[in-house]
PDB file of all heavy atoms in Angstrom:
ATOM      1  N   ARG A   1     185.883 299.874 131.404  1.00  0.00           N
ATOM      2  CA  ARG A   1     187.281 299.879 131.836  1.00  0.00           C
ATOM      3  C   ARG A   1     187.730 301.283 132.258  1.00  0.00           C
ATOM      4  O   ARG A   1     188.888 301.478 132.596  1.00  0.00           O
ATOM      5  CB  ARG A   1     188.175 299.345 130.701  1.00  0.00           C
ATOM      6  CG  ARG A   1     187.759 297.941 130.229  1.00  0.00           C
ATOM      7  CD  ARG A   1     188.909 297.204 129.569  1.00  0.00           C
ATOM      8  NE  ARG A   1     189.361 297.811 128.339  1.00  0.00           N
ATOM      9  CZ  ARG A   1     189.005 297.420 127.104  1.00  0.00           C
ATOM     10  NH1 ARG A   1     188.153 296.420 126.950  1.00  0.00           N
ATOM     11  NH2 ARG A   1     189.495 298.014 126.043  1.00  0.00           N
ATOM     12  N   GLU A   2     186.793 302.232 132.215  1.00  0.00           N
ATOM     13  CA  GLU A   2     187.139 303.618 132.560  1.00  0.00           C
ATOM     14  C   GLU A   2     186.318 304.180 133.712  1.00  0.00           C
ATOM     15  O   GLU A   2     186.864 304.864 134.577  1.00  0.00           O
ATOM     16  CB  GLU A   2     186.925 304.530 131.337  1.00  0.00           C
ATOM     17  CG  GLU A   2     187.821 304.216 130.153  1.00  0.00           C
ATOM     18  CD  GLU A   2     187.611 305.198 129.012  1.00  0.00           C
ATOM     19  OE1 GLU A   2     187.224 306.361 129.291  1.00  0.00           O
ATOM     20  OE2 GLU A   2     187.824 304.817 127.852  1.00  0.00           O
ATOM     21  N   TRP A   3     185.016 303.907 133.726  1.00  0.00           N
ATOM     22  CA  TRP A   3     184.160 304.601 134.682  1.00  0.00           C
ATOM     23  C   TRP A   3     184.253 304.021 136.083  1.00  0.00           C
ATOM     24  O   TRP A   3     184.857 302.974 136.311  1.00  0.00           O
ATOM     25  CB  TRP A   3     182.721 304.670 134.208  1.00  0.00           C
ATOM     26  CG  TRP A   3     182.008 303.342 133.967  1.00  0.00           C
ATOM     27  CD1 TRP A   3     182.278 302.128 134.530  1.00  0.00           C
ATOM     28  CD2 TRP A   3     180.875 303.152 133.116  1.00  0.00           C
ATOM     29  NE1 TRP A   3     181.379 301.186 134.086  1.00  0.00           N
ATOM     30  CE2 TRP A   3     180.504 301.783 133.228  1.00  0.00           C
ATOM     31  CE3 TRP A   3     180.107 303.969 132.293  1.00  0.00           C
ATOM     32  CZ2 TRP A   3     179.419 301.242 132.520  1.00  0.00           C
ATOM     33  CZ3 TRP A   3     179.037 303.430 131.596  1.00  0.00           C
ATOM     34  CH2 TRP A   3     178.706 302.077 131.710  1.00  0.00           C
ATOM     35  N   SER A   4     183.632 304.703 137.032  1.00  0.00           N
ATOM     36  CA  SER A   4     183.682 304.293 138.442  1.00  0.00           C
ATOM     37  C   SER A   4     182.557 303.313 138.789  1.00  0.00           C
ATOM     38  O   SER A   4     182.524 302.793 139.908  1.00  0.00           O
ATOM     39  CB  SER A   4     183.584 305.525 139.343  1.00  0.00           C
ATOM     40  OG  SER A   4     182.377 306.239 139.105  1.00  0.00           O
ATOM     41  N   ILE A   5     181.653 303.092 137.877  1.00  0.00           N
ATOM     42  CA  ILE A   5     180.557 302.146 138.110  1.00  0.00           C
ATOM     43  C   ILE A   5     181.127 300.738 138.232  1.00  0.00           C
ATOM     44  O   ILE A   5     181.922 300.307 137.405  1.00  0.00           O
ATOM     45  CB  ILE A   5     179.534 302.221 136.955  1.00  0.00           C
ATOM     46  CG1 ILE A   5     178.898 303.611 136.910  1.00  0.00           C
ATOM     47  CG2 ILE A   5     178.462 301.147 137.104  1.00  0.00           C
ATOM     48  CD1 ILE A   5     178.024 303.858 135.698  1.00  0.00           C
ATOM     49  N   LYS A   6     180.686 300.021 139.261  1.00  0.00           N
ATOM     50  CA  LYS A   6     181.288 298.717 139.526  1.00  0.00           C
ATOM     51  C   LYS A   6     180.312 297.545 139.433  1.00  0.00           C
ATOM     52  O   LYS A   6     180.717 296.388 139.563  1.00  0.00           O
ATOM     53  CB  LYS A   6     181.929 298.717 140.918  1.00  0.00           C
ATOM     54  CG  LYS A   6     183.120 299.664 141.055  1.00  0.00           C
ATOM     55  CD  LYS A   6     183.722 299.587 142.449  1.00  0.00           C
ATOM     56  CE  LYS A   6     184.989 300.431 142.559  1.00  0.00           C
ATOM     57  NZ  LYS A   6     184.743 301.863 142.335  1.00  0.00           N
ATOM     58  N   SER A   7     179.023 297.809 139.242  1.00  0.00           N
ATOM     59  CA  SER A   7     178.047 296.720 139.218  1.00  0.00           C
ATOM     60  C   SER A   7     176.824 297.123 138.411  1.00  0.00           C
ATOM     61  O   SER A   7     176.614 298.309 138.112  1.00  0.00           O
ATOM     62  CB  SER A   7     177.617 296.361 140.646  1.00  0.00           C
ATOM     63  OG  SER A   7     176.858 297.423 141.211  1.00  0.00           O
ATOM     64  N   ARG A   8     175.994 296.135 138.100  1.00  0.00           N
ATOM     65  CA  ARG A   8     174.742 296.422 137.404  1.00  0.00           C
ATOM     66  C   ARG A   8     173.792 297.209 138.310  1.00  0.00           C
ATOM     67  O   ARG A   8     172.982 297.999 137.822  1.00  0.00           O
ATOM     68  CB  ARG A   8     174.102 295.118 136.918  1.00  0.00           C
ATOM     69  CG  ARG A   8     174.890 294.474 135.773  1.00  0.00           C
ATOM     70  CD  ARG A   8     174.322 293.134 135.335  1.00  0.00           C
ATOM     71  NE  ARG A   8     173.009 293.232 134.724  1.00  0.00           N
ATOM     72  CZ  ARG A   8     172.788 293.562 133.452  1.00  0.00           C
ATOM     73  NH1 ARG A   8     173.799 293.874 132.651  1.00  0.00           N
ATOM     74  NH2 ARG A   8     171.549 293.596 132.966  1.00  0.00           N
ATOM     75  N   GLU A   9     173.895 296.998 139.620  1.00  0.00           N
ATOM     76  CA  GLU A   9     173.094 297.784 140.553  1.00  0.00           C
ATOM     77  C   GLU A   9     173.435 299.271 140.426  1.00  0.00           C
ATOM     78  O   GLU A   9     172.548 300.128 140.403  1.00  0.00           O
ATOM     79  CB  GLU A   9     173.341 297.308 141.990  1.00  0.00           C
ATOM     80  CG  GLU A   9     172.692 295.986 142.341  1.00  0.00           C
ATOM     81  CD  GLU A   9     171.195 296.114 142.525  1.00  0.00           C
ATOM     82  OE1 GLU A   9     170.757 297.118 143.126  1.00  0.00           O
ATOM     83  OE2 GLU A   9     170.463 295.221 142.038  1.00  0.00           O
ATOM     84  N   GLU A  10     174.727 299.575 140.355  1.00  0.00           N
ATOM     85  CA  GLU A  10     175.147 300.970 140.219  1.00  0.00           C
ATOM     86  C   GLU A  10     174.763 301.536 138.850  1.00  0.00           C
ATOM     87  O   GLU A  10     174.502 302.740 138.718  1.00  0.00           O
ATOM     88  CB  GLU A  10     176.651 301.087 140.452  1.00  0.00           C
ATOM     89  CG  GLU A  10     177.057 300.848 141.895  1.00  0.00           C
ATOM     90  CD  GLU A  10     178.536 301.103 142.136  1.00  0.00           C
ATOM     91  OE1 GLU A  10     179.218 301.662 141.254  1.00  0.00           O
ATOM     92  OE2 GLU A  10     179.026 300.730 143.225  1.00  0.00           O
ATOM     93  N   GLU A  11     174.719 300.675 137.837  1.00  0.00           N
ATOM     94  CA  GLU A  11     174.236 301.113 136.522  1.00  0.00           C
ATOM     95  C   GLU A  11     172.777 301.547 136.609  1.00  0.00           C
ATOM     96  O   GLU A  11     172.376 302.561 136.019  1.00  0.00           O
ATOM     97  CB  GLU A  11     174.375 299.992 135.502  1.00  0.00           C
ATOM     98  CG  GLU A  11     175.780 299.751 134.993  1.00  0.00           C
ATOM     99  CD  GLU A  11     175.796 298.766 133.854  1.00  0.00           C
ATOM    100  OE1 GLU A  11     175.529 297.566 134.091  1.00  0.00           O
ATOM    101  OE2 GLU A  11     176.064 299.165 132.708  1.00  0.00           O
ATOM    102  N   ILE A  12     171.980 300.776 137.324  1.00  0.00           N
ATOM    103  CA  ILE A  12     170.571 301.131 137.500  1.00  0.00           C
ATOM    104  C   ILE A  12     170.449 302.453 138.244  1.00  0.00           C
ATOM    105  O   ILE A  12     169.625 303.313 137.898  1.00  0.00           O
ATOM    106  CB  ILE A  12     169.811 299.998 138.230  1.00  0.00           C
ATOM    107  CG1 ILE A  12     169.768 298.741 137.344  1.00  0.00           C
ATOM    108  CG2 ILE A  12     168.388 300.441 138.578  1.00  0.00           C
ATOM    109  CD1 ILE A  12     169.149 297.532 138.016  1.00  0.00           C
ATOM    110  N   ASP A  13     171.291 302.640 139.262  1.00  0.00           N
ATOM    111  CA  ASP A  13     171.303 303.919 139.990  1.00  0.00           C
ATOM    112  C   ASP A  13     171.586 305.078 139.034  1.00  0.00           C
ATOM    113  O   ASP A  13     170.934 306.126 139.092  1.00  0.00           O
ATOM    114  CB  ASP A  13     172.369 303.898 141.092  1.00  0.00           C
ATOM    115  CG  ASP A  13     172.034 302.940 142.224  1.00  0.00           C
ATOM    116  OD1 ASP A  13     170.849 302.598 142.383  1.00  0.00           O
ATOM    117  OD2 ASP A  13     172.974 302.522 142.944  1.00  0.00           O
ATOM    118  N   TYR A  14     172.580 304.904 138.166  1.00  0.00           N
ATOM    119  CA  TYR A  14     172.956 305.952 137.202  1.00  0.00           C
ATOM    120  C   TYR A  14     171.784 306.235 136.256  1.00  0.00           C
ATOM    121  O   TYR A  14     171.466 307.392 135.966  1.00  0.00           O
ATOM    122  CB  TYR A  14     174.182 305.502 136.415  1.00  0.00           C
ATOM    123  CG  TYR A  14     174.732 306.538 135.456  1.00  0.00           C
ATOM    124  CD1 TYR A  14     175.799 307.356 135.813  1.00  0.00           C
ATOM    125  CD2 TYR A  14     174.188 306.700 134.178  1.00  0.00           C
ATOM    126  CE1 TYR A  14     176.306 308.309 134.931  1.00  0.00           C
ATOM    127  CE2 TYR A  14     174.686 307.646 133.296  1.00  0.00           C
ATOM    128  CZ  TYR A  14     175.742 308.446 133.670  1.00  0.00           C
ATOM    129  OH  TYR A  14     176.225 309.379 132.797  1.00  0.00           O
ATOM    130  N   ALA A  15     171.144 305.159 135.772  1.00  0.00           N
ATOM    131  CA  ALA A  15     170.011 305.323 134.853  1.00  0.00           C
ATOM    132  C   ALA A  15     168.873 306.092 135.519  1.00  0.00           C
ATOM    133  O   ALA A  15     168.278 307.003 134.918  1.00  0.00           O
ATOM    134  CB  ALA A  15     169.525 303.955 134.382  1.00  0.00           C
ATOM    135  N   GLU A  16     168.580 305.734 136.763  1.00  0.00           N
ATOM    136  CA  GLU A  16     167.491 306.410 137.474  1.00  0.00           C
ATOM    137  C   GLU A  16     167.822 307.880 137.714  1.00  0.00           C
ATOM    138  O   GLU A  16     166.958 308.752 137.584  1.00  0.00           O
ATOM    139  CB  GLU A  16     167.218 305.689 138.793  1.00  0.00           C
ATOM    140  CG  GLU A  16     166.589 304.307 138.597  1.00  0.00           C
ATOM    141  CD  GLU A  16     166.439 303.532 139.899  1.00  0.00           C
ATOM    142  OE1 GLU A  16     167.021 303.977 140.921  1.00  0.00           O
ATOM    143  OE2 GLU A  16     165.758 302.488 139.900  1.00  0.00           O
ATOM    144  N   ALA A  17     169.086 308.162 138.022  1.00  0.00           N
ATOM    145  CA  ALA A  17     169.506 309.545 138.262  1.00  0.00           C
ATOM    146  C   ALA A  17     169.439 310.395 136.997  1.00  0.00           C
ATOM    147  O   ALA A  17     169.271 311.617 137.067  1.00  0.00           O
ATOM    148  CB  ALA A  17     170.919 309.568 138.835  1.00  0.00           C
ATOM    149  N   HIS A  18     169.565 309.747 135.835  1.00  0.00           N
ATOM    150  CA  HIS A  18     169.532 310.468 134.561  1.00  0.00           C
ATOM    151  C   HIS A  18     168.206 310.276 133.821  1.00  0.00           C
ATOM    152  O   HIS A  18     168.093 310.609 132.627  1.00  0.00           O
ATOM    153  CB  HIS A  18     170.697 310.001 133.667  1.00  0.00           C
ATOM    154  CG  HIS A  18     172.044 310.462 134.143  1.00  0.00           C
ATOM    155  ND1 HIS A  18     172.676 309.909 135.227  1.00  0.00           N
ATOM    156  CD2 HIS A  18     172.878 311.441 133.673  1.00  0.00           C
ATOM    157  CE1 HIS A  18     173.843 310.510 135.417  1.00  0.00           C
ATOM    158  NE2 HIS A  18     173.986 311.448 134.497  1.00  0.00           N
ATOM    159  N   ASN A  19     167.205 309.718 134.519  1.00  0.00           N
ATOM    160  CA  ASN A  19     165.864 309.524 133.943  1.00  0.00           C
ATOM    161  C   ASN A  19     165.882 308.706 132.654  1.00  0.00           C
ATOM    162  O   ASN A  19     165.176 309.009 131.684  1.00  0.00           O
ATOM    163  CB  ASN A  19     165.190 310.878 133.688  1.00  0.00           C
ATOM    164  CG  ASN A  19     164.973 311.657 134.967  1.00  0.00           C
ATOM    165  OD1 ASN A  19     164.495 311.126 135.963  1.00  0.00           O
ATOM    166  ND2 ASN A  19     165.342 312.942 134.941  1.00  0.00           N
ATOM    167  N   ILE A  20     166.709 307.670 132.660  1.00  0.00           N
ATOM    168  CA  ILE A  20     166.797 306.787 131.497  1.00  0.00           C
ATOM    169  C   ILE A  20     165.866 305.595 131.726  1.00  0.00           C
ATOM    170  O   ILE A  20     166.022 304.860 132.706  1.00  0.00           O
ATOM    171  CB  ILE A  20     168.243 306.285 131.294  1.00  0.00           C
ATOM    172  CG1 ILE A  20     169.179 307.465 131.053  1.00  0.00           C
ATOM    173  CG2 ILE A  20     168.306 305.300 130.138  1.00  0.00           C
ATOM    174  CD1 ILE A  20     170.652 307.091 131.083  1.00  0.00           C
ATOM    175  N   PRO A  21     164.865 305.384 130.860  1.00  0.00           N
ATOM    176  CA  PRO A  21     163.918 304.275 131.058  1.00  0.00           C
ATOM    177  C   PRO A  21     164.595 302.918 130.823  1.00  0.00           C
ATOM    178  O   PRO A  21     165.402 302.759 129.914  1.00  0.00           O
ATOM    179  CB  PRO A  21     162.845 304.543 130.009  1.00  0.00           C
ATOM    180  CG  PRO A  21     163.542 305.344 128.941  1.00  0.00           C
ATOM    181  CD  PRO A  21     164.558 306.176 129.654  1.00  0.00           C
ATOM    182  N   LEU A  22     164.254 301.944 131.660  1.00  0.00           N
ATOM    183  CA  LEU A  22     164.799 300.595 131.542  1.00  0.00           C
ATOM    184  C   LEU A  22     163.665 299.581 131.477  1.00  0.00           C
ATOM    185  O   LEU A  22     162.606 299.785 132.086  1.00  0.00           O
ATOM    186  CB  LEU A  22     165.700 300.271 132.742  1.00  0.00           C
ATOM    187  CG  LEU A  22     166.932 301.161 132.958  1.00  0.00           C
ATOM    188  CD1 LEU A  22     167.616 300.786 134.268  1.00  0.00           C
ATOM    189  CD2 LEU A  22     167.903 301.024 131.793  1.00  0.00           C
ATOM    190  N   LYS A  23     163.912 298.469 130.770  1.00  0.00           N
ATOM    191  CA  LYS A  23     162.911 297.403 130.670  1.00  0.00           C
ATOM    192  C   LYS A  23     163.058 296.373 131.793  1.00  0.00           C
ATOM    193  O   LYS A  23     162.262 295.452 131.888  1.00  0.00           O
ATOM    194  CB  LYS A  23     163.018 296.701 129.314  1.00  0.00           C
ATOM    195  CG  LYS A  23     162.591 297.546 128.129  1.00  0.00           C
ATOM    196  CD  LYS A  23     162.649 296.742 126.841  1.00  0.00           C
ATOM    197  CE  LYS A  23     162.186 297.564 125.654  1.00  0.00           C
ATOM    198  NZ  LYS A  23     162.216 296.789 124.383  1.00  0.00           N
ATOM    199  N   ILE A  24     164.103 296.537 132.605  1.00  0.00           N
ATOM    200  CA  ILE A  24     164.343 295.594 133.686  1.00  0.00           C
ATOM    201  C   ILE A  24     164.179 296.288 135.030  1.00  0.00           C
ATOM    202  O   ILE A  24     164.067 297.508 135.103  1.00  0.00           O
ATOM    203  CB  ILE A  24     165.766 295.000 133.608  1.00  0.00           C
ATOM    204  CG1 ILE A  24     166.809 296.128 133.729  1.00  0.00           C
ATOM    205  CG2 ILE A  24     165.956 294.208 132.335  1.00  0.00           C
ATOM    206  CD1 ILE A  24     168.228 295.626 133.882  1.00  0.00           C
ATOM    207  N   ASN A  25     164.169 295.484 136.100  1.00  0.00           N
ATOM    208  CA  ASN A  25     164.218 296.039 137.448  1.00  0.00           C
ATOM    209  C   ASN A  25     165.277 295.281 138.238  1.00  0.00           C
ATOM    210  O   ASN A  25     165.931 294.391 137.718  1.00  0.00           O
ATOM    211  CB  ASN A  25     162.840 295.970 138.127  1.00  0.00           C
ATOM    212  CG  ASN A  25     162.305 294.537 138.191  1.00  0.00           C
ATOM    213  OD1 ASN A  25     163.008 293.608 138.615  1.00  0.00           O
ATOM    214  ND2 ASN A  25     161.057 294.348 137.751  1.00  0.00           N
ATOM    215  N   ARG A  26     165.430 295.617 139.482  1.00  0.00           N
ATOM    216  CA  ARG A  26     166.513 295.024 140.272  1.00  0.00           C
ATOM    217  C   ARG A  26     166.305 293.528 140.519  1.00  0.00           C
ATOM    218  O   ARG A  26     167.252 292.808 140.796  1.00  0.00           O
ATOM    219  CB  ARG A  26     166.660 295.773 141.594  1.00  0.00           C
ATOM    220  CG  ARG A  26     167.072 297.225 141.391  1.00  0.00           C
ATOM    221  CD  ARG A  26     167.168 297.982 142.704  1.00  0.00           C
ATOM    222  NE  ARG A  26     167.275 299.426 142.462  1.00  0.00           N
ATOM    223  CZ  ARG A  26     168.421 300.050 142.245  1.00  0.00           C
ATOM    224  NH1 ARG A  26     169.552 299.380 142.252  1.00  0.00           N
ATOM    225  NH2 ARG A  26     168.436 301.355 142.027  1.00  0.00           N
ATOM    226  N   GLU A  27     165.066 293.046 140.412  1.00  0.00           N
ATOM    227  CA  GLU A  27     164.779 291.634 140.661  1.00  0.00           C
ATOM    228  C   GLU A  27     164.925 290.790 139.394  1.00  0.00           C
ATOM    229  O   GLU A  27     165.090 289.578 139.469  1.00  0.00           O
ATOM    230  CB  GLU A  27     163.352 291.472 141.218  1.00  0.00           C
ATOM    231  CG  GLU A  27     163.188 291.938 142.664  1.00  0.00           C
ATOM    232  CD  GLU A  27     163.276 293.451 142.803  1.00  0.00           C
ATOM    233  OE1 GLU A  27     162.681 294.164 141.970  1.00  0.00           O
ATOM    234  OE2 GLU A  27     163.956 293.922 143.740  1.00  0.00           O
ATOM    235  N   THR A  28     164.807 291.400 138.224  1.00  0.00           N
ATOM    236  CA  THR A  28     164.895 290.650 136.964  1.00  0.00           C
ATOM    237  C   THR A  28     166.155 291.025 136.189  1.00  0.00           C
ATOM    238  O   THR A  28     166.208 290.904 134.960  1.00  0.00           O
ATOM    239  CB  THR A  28     163.656 290.922 136.085  1.00  0.00           C
ATOM    240  OG1 THR A  28     163.603 292.325 135.773  1.00  0.00           O
ATOM    241  CG2 THR A  28     162.385 290.515 136.804  1.00  0.00           C
ATOM    242  N   ASN A  29     167.152 291.456 136.938  1.00  0.00           N
ATOM    243  CA  ASN A  29     168.356 292.017 136.332  1.00  0.00           C
ATOM    244  C   ASN A  29     169.352 290.945 135.885  1.00  0.00           C
ATOM    245  O   ASN A  29     170.543 291.015 136.171  1.00  0.00           O
ATOM    246  CB  ASN A  29     169.009 292.975 137.343  1.00  0.00           C
ATOM    247  CG  ASN A  29     170.204 293.702 136.783  1.00  0.00           C
ATOM    248  OD1 ASN A  29     170.315 293.880 135.577  1.00  0.00           O
ATOM    249  ND2 ASN A  29     171.109 294.107 137.656  1.00  0.00           N
ATOM    250  N   TYR A  30     168.874 289.906 135.191  1.00  0.00           N
ATOM    251  CA  TYR A  30     169.791 288.938 134.598  1.00  0.00           C
ATOM    252  C   TYR A  30     170.529 289.598 133.435  1.00  0.00           C
ATOM    253  O   TYR A  30     169.985 290.460 132.740  1.00  0.00           O
ATOM    254  CB  TYR A  30     169.036 287.719 134.061  1.00  0.00           C
ATOM    255  CG  TYR A  30     168.483 286.800 135.123  1.00  0.00           C
ATOM    256  CD1 TYR A  30     167.118 286.752 135.384  1.00  0.00           C
ATOM    257  CD2 TYR A  30     169.324 285.960 135.852  1.00  0.00           C
ATOM    258  CE1 TYR A  30     166.598 285.903 136.348  1.00  0.00           C
ATOM    259  CE2 TYR A  30     168.813 285.109 136.818  1.00  0.00           C
ATOM    260  CZ  TYR A  30     167.454 285.085 137.060  1.00  0.00           C
ATOM    261  OH  TYR A  30     166.953 284.245 138.023  1.00  0.00           O
ATOM    262  N   SER A  31     171.754 289.193 133.234  1.00  0.00           N
ATOM    263  CA  SER A  31     172.486 289.616 132.048  1.00  0.00           C
ATOM    264  C   SER A  31     172.123 288.646 130.936  1.00  0.00           C
ATOM    265  O   SER A  31     172.392 287.447 131.031  1.00  0.00           O
ATOM    266  CB  SER A  31     174.001 289.581 132.316  1.00  0.00           C
ATOM    267  OG  SER A  31     174.706 289.930 131.146  1.00  0.00           O
ATOM    268  N   LYS A  32     171.497 289.164 129.881  1.00  0.00           N
ATOM    269  CA  LYS A  32     171.018 288.300 128.799  1.00  0.00           C
ATOM    270  C   LYS A  32     171.593 288.739 127.456  1.00  0.00           C
ATOM    271  O   LYS A  32     171.861 289.913 127.238  1.00  0.00           O
ATOM    272  CB  LYS A  32     169.489 288.324 128.715  1.00  0.00           C
ATOM    273  CG  LYS A  32     168.778 287.787 129.946  1.00  0.00           C
ATOM    274  CD  LYS A  32     167.272 287.765 129.725  1.00  0.00           C
ATOM    275  CE  LYS A  32     166.530 287.225 130.939  1.00  0.00           C
ATOM    276  NZ  LYS A  32     165.074 287.145 130.699  1.00  0.00           N
ATOM    277  N   ASP A  33     171.764 287.775 126.588  1.00  0.00           N
ATOM    278  CA  ASP A  33     172.108 288.067 125.195  1.00  0.00           C
ATOM    279  C   ASP A  33     171.199 287.232 124.316  1.00  0.00           C
ATOM    280  O   ASP A  33     171.151 286.001 124.448  1.00  0.00           O
ATOM    281  CB  ASP A  33     173.570 287.726 124.898  1.00  0.00           C
ATOM    282  CG  ASP A  33     173.902 287.980 123.429  1.00  0.00           C
ATOM    283  OD1 ASP A  33     173.953 289.156 123.028  1.00  0.00           O
ATOM    284  OD2 ASP A  33     174.065 287.000 122.682  1.00  0.00           O
ATOM    285  N   LYS A  34     170.478 287.895 123.420  1.00  0.00           N
ATOM    286  CA  LYS A  34     169.488 287.207 122.603  1.00  0.00           C
ATOM    287  C   LYS A  34     169.725 287.461 121.131  1.00  0.00           C
ATOM    288  O   LYS A  34     170.033 288.576 120.715  1.00  0.00           O
ATOM    289  CB  LYS A  34     168.077 287.680 122.988  1.00  0.00           C
ATOM    290  CG  LYS A  34     166.950 286.925 122.292  1.00  0.00           C
ATOM    291  CD  LYS A  34     165.591 287.413 122.791  1.00  0.00           C
ATOM    292  CE  LYS A  34     164.450 286.612 122.183  1.00  0.00           C
ATOM    293  NZ  LYS A  34     163.128 287.093 122.651  1.00  0.00           N
ATOM    294  N   ASN A  35     169.604 286.411 120.345  1.00  0.00           N
ATOM    295  CA  ASN A  35     169.544 286.522 118.894  1.00  0.00           C
ATOM    296  C   ASN A  35     168.700 285.373 118.369  1.00  0.00           C
ATOM    297  O   ASN A  35     168.146 284.587 119.154  1.00  0.00           O
ATOM    298  CB  ASN A  35     170.950 286.559 118.266  1.00  0.00           C
ATOM    299  CG  ASN A  35     171.790 285.346 118.621  1.00  0.00           C
ATOM    300  OD1 ASN A  35     171.371 284.206 118.437  1.00  0.00           O
ATOM    301  ND2 ASN A  35     173.003 285.580 119.134  1.00  0.00           N
ATOM    302  N   ILE A  36     168.583 285.233 117.065  1.00  0.00           N
ATOM    303  CA  ILE A  36     167.734 284.198 116.503  1.00  0.00           C
ATOM    304  C   ILE A  36     168.237 282.796 116.827  1.00  0.00           C
ATOM    305  O   ILE A  36     167.475 281.835 116.848  1.00  0.00           O
ATOM    306  CB  ILE A  36     167.605 284.373 114.969  1.00  0.00           C
ATOM    307  CG1 ILE A  36     166.487 283.482 114.414  1.00  0.00           C
ATOM    308  CG2 ILE A  36     168.936 284.089 114.273  1.00  0.00           C
ATOM    309  CD1 ILE A  36     166.178 283.731 112.954  1.00  0.00           C
ATOM    310  N   TRP A  37     169.517 282.676 117.142  1.00  0.00           N
ATOM    311  CA  TRP A  37     170.135 281.375 117.401  1.00  0.00           C
ATOM    312  C   TRP A  37     169.995 280.945 118.854  1.00  0.00           C
ATOM    313  O   TRP A  37     169.826 279.749 119.125  1.00  0.00           O
ATOM    314  CB  TRP A  37     171.606 281.432 117.002  1.00  0.00           C
ATOM    315  CG  TRP A  37     172.384 280.167 117.137  1.00  0.00           C
ATOM    316  CD1 TRP A  37     173.353 279.886 118.063  1.00  0.00           C
ATOM    317  CD2 TRP A  37     172.300 279.004 116.315  1.00  0.00           C
ATOM    318  NE1 TRP A  37     173.866 278.631 117.856  1.00  0.00           N
ATOM    319  CE2 TRP A  37     173.238 278.061 116.788  1.00  0.00           C
ATOM    320  CE3 TRP A  37     171.512 278.660 115.214  1.00  0.00           C
ATOM    321  CZ2 TRP A  37     173.413 276.808 116.202  1.00  0.00           C
ATOM    322  CZ3 TRP A  37     171.680 277.408 114.627  1.00  0.00           C
ATOM    323  CH2 TRP A  37     172.616 276.506 115.129  1.00  0.00           C
ATOM    324  N   HIS A  38     170.047 281.900 119.790  1.00  0.00           N
ATOM    325  CA  HIS A  38     170.046 281.496 121.200  1.00  0.00           C
ATOM    326  C   HIS A  38     169.630 282.637 122.124  1.00  0.00           C
ATOM    327  O   HIS A  38     169.448 283.779 121.705  1.00  0.00           O
ATOM    328  CB  HIS A  38     171.437 280.987 121.589  1.00  0.00           C
ATOM    329  CG  HIS A  38     172.343 282.043 122.150  1.00  0.00           C
ATOM    330  ND1 HIS A  38     173.315 281.769 123.084  1.00  0.00           N
ATOM    331  CD2 HIS A  38     172.441 283.392 121.927  1.00  0.00           C
ATOM    332  CE1 HIS A  38     173.960 282.869 123.400  1.00  0.00           C
ATOM    333  NE2 HIS A  38     173.459 283.869 122.728  1.00  0.00           N
ATOM    334  N   LEU A  39     169.523 282.279 123.415  1.00  0.00           N
ATOM    335  CA  LEU A  39     169.363 283.254 124.480  1.00  0.00           C
ATOM    336  C   LEU A  39     170.204 282.786 125.655  1.00  0.00           C
ATOM    337  O   LEU A  39     170.125 281.628 126.074  1.00  0.00           O
ATOM    338  CB  LEU A  39     167.897 283.372 124.906  1.00  0.00           C
ATOM    339  CG  LEU A  39     167.606 284.241 126.139  1.00  0.00           C
ATOM    340  CD1 LEU A  39     167.995 285.689 125.894  1.00  0.00           C
ATOM    341  CD2 LEU A  39     166.140 284.141 126.537  1.00  0.00           C
ATOM    342  N   SER A  40     171.039 283.685 126.187  1.00  0.00           N
ATOM    343  CA  SER A  40     171.866 283.346 127.346  1.00  0.00           C
ATOM    344  C   SER A  40     171.353 284.061 128.582  1.00  0.00           C
ATOM    345  O   SER A  40     170.820 285.170 128.501  1.00  0.00           O
ATOM    346  CB  SER A  40     173.329 283.726 127.094  1.00  0.00           C
ATOM    347  OG  SER A  40     173.470 285.132 126.980  1.00  0.00           O
ATOM    348  N   HIS A  41     171.517 283.415 129.740  1.00  0.00           N
ATOM    349  CA  HIS A  41     171.155 283.990 131.035  1.00  0.00           C
ATOM    350  C   HIS A  41     172.369 283.905 131.955  1.00  0.00           C
ATOM    351  O   HIS A  41     172.952 282.827 132.124  1.00  0.00           O
ATOM    352  CB  HIS A  41     170.019 283.204 131.702  1.00  0.00           C
ATOM    353  CG  HIS A  41     168.809 282.976 130.853  1.00  0.00           C
ATOM    354  ND1 HIS A  41     167.623 283.657 131.046  1.00  0.00           N
ATOM    355  CD2 HIS A  41     168.580 282.127 129.812  1.00  0.00           C
ATOM    356  CE1 HIS A  41     166.723 283.230 130.168  1.00  0.00           C
ATOM    357  NE2 HIS A  41     167.290 282.302 129.408  1.00  0.00           N
TER     358      HIS A  41
END
């Protein structure tokens, strides 16, 4: 609610610019939530 980032694509750009390793790529960039009860896509 504060930053200028507007999408998950721009988040990936920020991560790459700051050398932050990610387990996803632009093609598998589903928003997921996982716990023992469920997994959402």
